[in-house]
Amino acid sequence: MRTLFSALIFVVGSLVVVAGQLQTGLEAEDLLPRLFPDAASFSGKENNPPHYKAFDAGGEVIGFAYWTTELEPLERGFDGPIKVFVGMDTDLVLRGIVVTEHREPYGDFSVDLPVFAGQFDAKDVRDPFRYGSDVDAISRATMSVTSVSRAIRNSSRRVARALLAPPSR
């Protein structure tokens, strides 16, 4: 009986931990204003590559938002995919990221902490995105940080190549 009770406590506790790591119910429509607070409107989801557009009051495109898991579906962290919503302006500068779903370590070692996401604000997509160099490390989360950084970099560059003209020199 004691073993059954212990197993039940373990299962319930595990479910609480996993649920705490998922920001379920967050849709692109909820996140777009967070990444582009100055936008007047947003497009619906477009394809090739999958993305959303942010517009200013004059109807000009001021940026793009996209899910890393739709552009880099094979990128995995320690325990599976890490779903990140990314905003990038038309100057190839990230407007921010929101980690919406993962099954990685949590607490002080998590990729969903504000300090982790904050380091990507105003980051140029042409930067190297290297763990320990221009991306801060999180102790005991090397694989997660490397994976998220690579997914953000690669998906951002893919969107930039597809939707923006190369910068003139």
Protein backbone atom coordinates (compact mmCIF):
# COMPACT_ATOMS: atom_id res chain seq x y z
CA MET A 1 0.00 0.00 0.00
CA ARG A 2 2.83 2.36 0.88
CA THR A 3 4.47 1.70 -2.54
CA LEU A 4 1.21 2.38 -4.37
CA PHE A 5 0.75 5.65 -2.47
CA SER A 6 4.35 6.70 -3.21
CA ALA A 7 3.89 5.91 -6.90
CA LEU A 8 0.68 7.93 -7.02
CA ILE A 9 2.38 10.93 -5.37
CA PHE A 10 5.25 10.66 -7.86
CA VAL A 11 2.90 10.60 -10.89
CA VAL A 12 0.82 13.55 -9.65
CA GLY A 13 3.97 15.52 -8.83
CA SER A 14 5.42 14.82 -12.26
CA LEU A 15 2.25 16.06 -13.95
CA VAL A 16 2.37 19.28 -11.93
CA VAL A 17 6.01 19.86 -12.94
CA VAL A 18 5.30 19.26 -16.64
CA ALA A 19 2.23 21.48 -16.57
CA GLY A 20 4.33 24.22 -14.98
CA GLN A 21 6.74 24.11 -17.91
CA LEU A 22 4.08 24.66 -20.56
CA GLN A 23 2.46 28.00 -21.26
CA THR A 24 -0.51 26.36 -22.92
CA GLY A 25 -3.17 28.40 -24.61
CA LEU A 26 -0.76 31.03 -25.92
CA GLU A 27 -1.54 31.59 -29.57
CA ALA A 28 0.27 33.84 -32.03
CA GLU A 29 -2.53 36.39 -31.72
CA ASP A 30 -1.80 36.66 -27.97
CA LEU A 31 1.95 36.97 -28.47
CA LEU A 32 2.21 39.35 -31.45
CA PRO A 33 1.42 42.51 -29.41
CA ARG A 34 4.04 41.44 -26.87
CA LEU A 35 6.75 41.31 -29.55
CA PHE A 36 5.51 44.34 -31.50
CA PRO A 37 3.78 46.71 -29.04
CA ASP A 38 4.09 49.58 -31.53
CA ALA A 39 2.30 47.73 -34.35
CA ALA A 40 -1.10 48.94 -35.51
CA SER A 41 -2.15 45.59 -36.95
CA PHE A 42 -1.02 42.08 -37.82
CA SER A 43 -1.57 39.71 -40.73
CA GLY A 44 -2.93 36.24 -40.42
CA LYS A 45 -0.52 33.40 -40.80
CA GLU A 46 1.19 33.36 -44.18
CA ASN A 47 3.32 30.64 -45.79
CA ASN A 48 6.68 30.12 -47.45
CA PRO A 49 8.02 30.31 -44.81
CA PRO A 50 5.26 30.25 -42.17
CA HIS A 51 5.12 33.72 -40.56
CA TYR A 52 3.00 36.66 -39.41
CA LYS A 53 3.56 40.29 -40.39
CA ALA A 54 3.39 43.32 -38.12
CA PHE A 55 2.27 46.63 -39.68
CA ASP A 56 2.60 50.25 -38.59
CA ALA A 57 -0.31 52.71 -38.77
CA GLY A 58 0.55 53.51 -42.39
CA GLY A 59 0.32 49.86 -43.44
CA GLU A 60 4.07 49.36 -43.82
CA VAL A 61 5.59 46.07 -42.67
CA ILE A 62 7.67 46.65 -39.55
CA GLY A 63 8.48 43.03 -38.73
CA PHE A 64 7.79 39.34 -38.84
CA ALA A 65 6.98 36.73 -36.21
CA TYR A 66 7.33 32.98 -36.51
CA TRP A 67 7.51 29.70 -34.58
CA THR A 68 10.94 28.08 -34.52
CA THR A 69 9.32 24.64 -34.46
CA GLU A 70 7.67 25.30 -37.83
CA LEU A 71 10.90 26.43 -39.46
CA GLU A 72 13.39 24.16 -37.68
CA PRO A 73 11.28 21.11 -36.73
CA LEU A 74 14.23 18.79 -36.20
CA GLU A 75 15.96 21.04 -33.65
CA ARG A 76 15.67 19.38 -30.25
CA GLY A 77 16.66 20.27 -26.71
CA PHE A 78 17.57 17.75 -24.03
CA ASP A 79 14.05 16.33 -23.83
CA GLY A 80 12.37 17.20 -27.14
CA PRO A 81 11.42 20.29 -29.14
CA ILE A 82 11.40 23.74 -27.56
CA LYS A 83 8.62 25.90 -29.03
CA VAL A 84 9.71 29.54 -29.34
CA PHE A 85 7.81 32.45 -30.90
CA VAL A 86 10.27 34.97 -32.38
CA GLY A 87 9.82 38.57 -33.52
CA MET A 88 12.25 40.20 -35.99
CA ASP A 89 12.07 43.70 -37.45
CA THR A 90 12.89 44.61 -41.05
CA ASP A 91 16.44 45.63 -40.04
CA LEU A 92 17.20 41.99 -39.08
CA VAL A 93 17.08 42.75 -35.37
CA LEU A 94 15.15 40.51 -33.00
CA ARG A 95 12.30 42.19 -31.16
CA GLY A 96 12.11 39.40 -28.62
CA ILE A 97 11.33 35.76 -28.06
CA VAL A 98 8.75 33.88 -26.02
CA VAL A 99 9.39 30.27 -25.00
CA THR A 100 5.90 28.78 -25.00
CA GLU A 101 6.47 25.06 -24.61
CA HIS A 102 9.28 22.78 -23.50
CA ARG A 103 10.09 19.78 -21.36
CA GLU A 104 13.54 20.89 -20.32
CA PRO A 105 14.92 21.32 -16.82
CA TYR A 106 13.07 23.96 -14.86
CA GLY A 107 13.76 26.39 -12.06
CA ASP A 108 17.06 28.28 -12.15
CA PHE A 109 18.17 26.12 -15.10
CA SER A 110 15.29 26.86 -17.45
CA VAL A 111 15.19 28.38 -20.92
CA ASP A 112 11.85 30.03 -20.15
CA LEU A 113 13.22 32.46 -17.57
CA PRO A 114 12.94 36.17 -18.51
CA VAL A 115 16.72 36.64 -18.22
CA PHE A 116 17.31 33.99 -20.88
CA ALA A 117 14.76 35.44 -23.31
CA GLY A 118 15.95 39.00 -22.61
CA GLN A 119 19.38 38.38 -24.08
CA PHE A 120 17.80 38.00 -27.52
CA ASP A 121 16.12 41.44 -27.45
CA ALA A 122 17.82 43.70 -30.02
CA LYS A 123 20.11 40.87 -31.19
CA ASP A 124 21.12 41.03 -34.85
CA VAL A 125 20.31 37.80 -36.73
CA ARG A 126 23.74 37.99 -38.36
CA ASP A 127 25.41 37.45 -34.96
CA PRO A 128 26.90 33.99 -34.41
CA PHE A 129 24.46 32.89 -31.64
CA ARG A 130 27.15 30.81 -29.93
CA TYR A 131 26.65 29.37 -26.49
CA GLY A 132 29.10 30.91 -24.03
CA SER A 133 30.14 33.59 -26.54
CA ASP A 134 27.28 35.89 -27.51
CA VAL A 135 24.58 33.75 -25.85
CA ASP A 136 24.79 33.43 -22.08
CA ALA A 137 25.09 30.01 -20.59
CA ILE A 138 22.63 28.49 -18.15
CA SER A 139 24.29 26.11 -15.74
CA ARG A 140 23.23 22.49 -16.35
CA ALA A 141 21.26 23.45 -19.51
CA THR A 142 23.97 23.45 -22.20
CA MET A 143 22.04 21.31 -24.68
CA SER A 144 18.82 23.32 -24.24
CA VAL A 145 20.52 26.70 -24.64
CA THR A 146 22.50 25.54 -27.68
CA SER A 147 19.38 24.10 -29.32
CA VAL A 148 17.21 27.17 -28.68
CA SER A 149 19.94 29.53 -29.89
CA ARG A 150 20.47 27.53 -33.06
CA ALA A 151 16.71 27.31 -33.74
CA ILE A 152 16.28 31.09 -33.27
CA ARG A 153 19.30 31.86 -35.47
CA ASN A 154 18.41 29.45 -38.27
CA SER A 155 14.70 30.26 -38.40
CA SER A 156 15.41 34.01 -38.30
CA ARG A 157 17.90 33.78 -41.12
CA ARG A 158 15.49 31.66 -43.16
CA VAL A 159 12.72 34.25 -42.76
CA ALA A 160 15.13 37.09 -43.59
CA ARG A 161 16.39 35.38 -46.76
CA ALA A 162 12.85 34.65 -47.93
CA LEU A 163 11.11 37.92 -47.08
CA LEU A 164 13.68 40.72 -47.01
CA ALA A 165 15.96 42.14 -49.69
CA PRO A 166 19.67 41.76 -48.94
CA PRO A 167 21.14 44.87 -47.30
CA SER A 168 22.93 47.19 -49.71
CA ARG A 169 26.62 47.75 -49.14
